[in-house]
Amino acid sequence: MYEAGIELTEGDFEFSKPPLSKKFIRLVFDKHQLEHIAYFGGNMFYVSKQNSEPFMPFNARYPEDIELILDFMVRERIRRIRYENGVLFRSAVPKLSGS
C-alpha cells in the first residue's frame, strides 16, 4: 500500500486546479529537498527530506505548497509520493470498499 512505484503523470491531475501539476510537485520537492511524503490516513503524514530526516512543520503546519500536496494526496487517495533522480512516483490508488 505504501510502495510508490507508479510514475506520476499529468493525467493524475485531471481533476486538480492550478497550481497542482506534476511540475509544481517536482518544484516543491526540489525547493524543500524532499525524498517522499507518506499519508497514513486522517491527518497523519510523514514528510522526509533527502537526507532521510523528517521535515518538521512550523507552528503545526507545513508550508502552503506542501499543504497543497497533502490535500491532493488525501483527495486522490495516494498513500505515498516519492522523488528519485528527478522522477516522481506514487502509490497505487486503493479501491473503495464495496466496488
C-alpha atoms as a PDB file:
ATOM      1  CA  MET A   1       0.000   0.000   0.000  1.00  0.00           C
ATOM      2  CA  TYR A   2       2.869   2.409   0.780  1.00  0.00           C
ATOM      3  CA  GLU A   3       5.048   1.422  -2.167  1.00  0.00           C
ATOM      4  CA  ALA A   4       5.451   4.195  -4.691  1.00  0.00           C
ATOM      5  CA  GLY A   5       6.311   2.505  -7.975  1.00  0.00           C
ATOM      6  CA  ILE A   6       3.909   4.142 -10.439  1.00  0.00           C
ATOM      7  CA  GLU A   7       5.305   7.151 -12.260  1.00  0.00           C
ATOM      8  CA  LEU A   8       3.224  10.269 -11.634  1.00  0.00           C
ATOM      9  CA  THR A   9       1.762  11.656 -14.885  1.00  0.00           C
ATOM     10  CA  GLU A  10      -0.168  14.767 -15.873  1.00  0.00           C
ATOM     11  CA  GLY A  11      -3.235  12.505 -16.097  1.00  0.00           C
ATOM     12  CA  ASP A  12      -3.114  12.185 -12.311  1.00  0.00           C
ATOM     13  CA  PHE A  13      -4.063  15.877 -12.157  1.00  0.00           C
ATOM     14  CA  GLU A  14      -7.103  15.646 -14.421  1.00  0.00           C
ATOM     15  CA  PHE A  15      -9.467  16.946 -11.723  1.00  0.00           C
ATOM     16  CA  SER A  16      -6.991  19.235  -9.922  1.00  0.00           C
ATOM     17  CA  LYS A  17      -6.944  23.002 -10.020  1.00  0.00           C
ATOM     18  CA  PRO A  18      -3.793  25.064 -10.617  1.00  0.00           C
ATOM     19  CA  PRO A  19      -1.157  25.268  -9.352  1.00  0.00           C
ATOM     20  CA  LEU A  20      -1.306  21.485  -8.814  1.00  0.00           C
ATOM     21  CA  SER A  21       0.579  19.690 -11.573  1.00  0.00           C
ATOM     22  CA  LYS A  22       3.444  17.279 -11.952  1.00  0.00           C
ATOM     23  CA  LYS A  23       5.792  20.249 -12.487  1.00  0.00           C
ATOM     24  CA  PHE A  24       4.504  22.007  -9.339  1.00  0.00           C
ATOM     25  CA  ILE A  25       5.089  18.928  -7.165  1.00  0.00           C
ATOM     26  CA  ARG A  26       8.579  18.423  -8.623  1.00  0.00           C
ATOM     27  CA  LEU A  27       9.423  22.089  -7.873  1.00  0.00           C
ATOM     28  CA  VAL A  28       8.173  21.721  -4.264  1.00  0.00           C
ATOM     29  CA  PHE A  29      10.219  18.544  -3.755  1.00  0.00           C
ATOM     30  CA  ASP A  30      13.309  20.322  -5.143  1.00  0.00           C
ATOM     31  CA  LYS A  31      12.713  23.507  -3.141  1.00  0.00           C
ATOM     32  CA  HIS A  32      12.377  21.696   0.202  1.00  0.00           C
ATOM     33  CA  GLN A  33      14.792  18.876  -0.743  1.00  0.00           C
ATOM     34  CA  LEU A  34      12.174  16.195  -0.108  1.00  0.00           C
ATOM     35  CA  GLU A  35      12.514  12.479  -0.752  1.00  0.00           C
ATOM     36  CA  HIS A  36       8.965  11.305  -0.058  1.00  0.00           C
ATOM     37  CA  ILE A  37       5.639  12.092   1.577  1.00  0.00           C
ATOM     38  CA  ALA A  38       3.600   9.312   3.160  1.00  0.00           C
ATOM     39  CA  TYR A  39      -0.074   9.623   4.118  1.00  0.00           C
ATOM     40  CA  PHE A  40      -1.306   7.322   6.894  1.00  0.00           C
ATOM     41  CA  GLY A  41      -4.944   8.416   6.992  1.00  0.00           C
ATOM     42  CA  GLY A  42      -6.816  11.029   8.980  1.00  0.00           C
ATOM     43  CA  ASN A  43      -4.474  13.956   9.397  1.00  0.00           C
ATOM     44  CA  MET A  44      -1.260  11.906   9.710  1.00  0.00           C
ATOM     45  CA  PHE A  45       1.584  12.483   7.252  1.00  0.00           C
ATOM     46  CA  TYR A  46       5.308  11.870   7.235  1.00  0.00           C
ATOM     47  CA  VAL A  47       7.426  14.199   5.105  1.00  0.00           C
ATOM     48  CA  SER A  48      11.019  13.036   4.593  1.00  0.00           C
ATOM     49  CA  LYS A  49      13.927  15.145   3.422  1.00  0.00           C
ATOM     50  CA  GLN A  50      16.530  13.747   1.008  1.00  0.00           C
ATOM     51  CA  ASN A  51      18.875  13.034   3.925  1.00  0.00           C
ATOM     52  CA  SER A  52      16.141  10.760   5.418  1.00  0.00           C
ATOM     53  CA  GLU A  53      15.480  13.255   8.218  1.00  0.00           C
ATOM     54  CA  PRO A  54      11.871  14.254   8.877  1.00  0.00           C
ATOM     55  CA  PHE A  55      10.716  17.630   7.588  1.00  0.00           C
ATOM     56  CA  MET A  56       9.098  19.146  10.643  1.00  0.00           C
ATOM     57  CA  PRO A  57       6.142  21.524  10.220  1.00  0.00           C
ATOM     58  CA  PHE A  58       6.369  25.030  11.635  1.00  0.00           C
ATOM     59  CA  ASN A  59       3.621  26.016  14.081  1.00  0.00           C
ATOM     60  CA  ALA A  60       1.905  22.637  13.454  1.00  0.00           C
ATOM     61  CA  ARG A  61       1.527  23.393   9.712  1.00  0.00           C
ATOM     62  CA  TYR A  62       3.694  22.662   6.740  1.00  0.00           C
ATOM     63  CA  PRO A  63       4.463  25.443   4.238  1.00  0.00           C
ATOM     64  CA  GLU A  64       1.488  26.206   1.990  1.00  0.00           C
ATOM     65  CA  ASP A  65       2.999  24.497  -1.063  1.00  0.00           C
ATOM     66  CA  ILE A  66       3.456  21.238   0.865  1.00  0.00           C
ATOM     67  CA  GLU A  67      -0.066  21.565   2.319  1.00  0.00           C
ATOM     68  CA  LEU A  68      -1.416  21.675  -1.269  1.00  0.00           C
ATOM     69  CA  ILE A  69       0.320  18.366  -1.981  1.00  0.00           C
ATOM     70  CA  LEU A  70      -1.060  16.830   1.231  1.00  0.00           C
ATOM     71  CA  ASP A  71      -4.608  17.883   0.259  1.00  0.00           C
ATOM     72  CA  PHE A  72      -4.073  16.408  -3.225  1.00  0.00           C
ATOM     73  CA  MET A  73      -2.919  13.110  -1.713  1.00  0.00           C
ATOM     74  CA  VAL A  74      -5.982  12.886   0.546  1.00  0.00           C
ATOM     75  CA  ARG A  75      -8.397  13.757  -2.265  1.00  0.00           C
ATOM     76  CA  GLU A  76      -6.832  11.302  -4.737  1.00  0.00           C
ATOM     77  CA  ARG A  77      -6.250   8.552  -2.097  1.00  0.00           C
ATOM     78  CA  ILE A  78      -2.499   8.492  -2.790  1.00  0.00           C
ATOM     79  CA  ARG A  79      -0.612   6.968   0.134  1.00  0.00           C
ATOM     80  CA  ARG A  80       2.899   7.913  -0.921  1.00  0.00           C
ATOM     81  CA  ILE A  81       4.738  10.174  -3.352  1.00  0.00           C
ATOM     82  CA  ARG A  82       8.452   9.534  -3.829  1.00  0.00           C
ATOM     83  CA  TYR A  83      11.009  11.621  -5.732  1.00  0.00           C
ATOM     84  CA  GLU A  84      14.008   9.822  -7.172  1.00  0.00           C
ATOM     85  CA  ASN A  85      16.521  11.043  -9.771  1.00  0.00           C
ATOM     86  CA  GLY A  86      14.170  13.793 -10.945  1.00  0.00           C
ATOM     87  CA  VAL A  87      11.191  11.428 -11.352  1.00  0.00           C
ATOM     88  CA  LEU A  88       8.045  11.417  -9.203  1.00  0.00           C
ATOM     89  CA  PHE A  89       6.403   8.123  -8.265  1.00  0.00           C
ATOM     90  CA  ARG A  90       3.128   7.475  -6.459  1.00  0.00           C
ATOM     91  CA  SER A  91       1.457   4.573  -4.736  1.00  0.00           C
ATOM     92  CA  ALA A  92      -1.404   2.681  -6.332  1.00  0.00           C
ATOM     93  CA  VAL A  93      -4.817   4.113  -5.502  1.00  0.00           C
ATOM     94  CA  PRO A  94      -6.655   1.715  -3.187  1.00  0.00           C
ATOM     95  CA  LYS A  95     -10.050   0.517  -4.348  1.00  0.00           C
ATOM     96  CA  LEU A  96     -13.070   1.820  -2.499  1.00  0.00           C
ATOM     97  CA  SER A  97     -14.779  -0.776  -0.364  1.00  0.00           C
ATOM     98  CA  GLY A  98     -17.883  -2.175  -1.998  1.00  0.00           C
ATOM     99  CA  SER A  99     -16.591  -1.691  -5.533  1.00  0.00           C
END
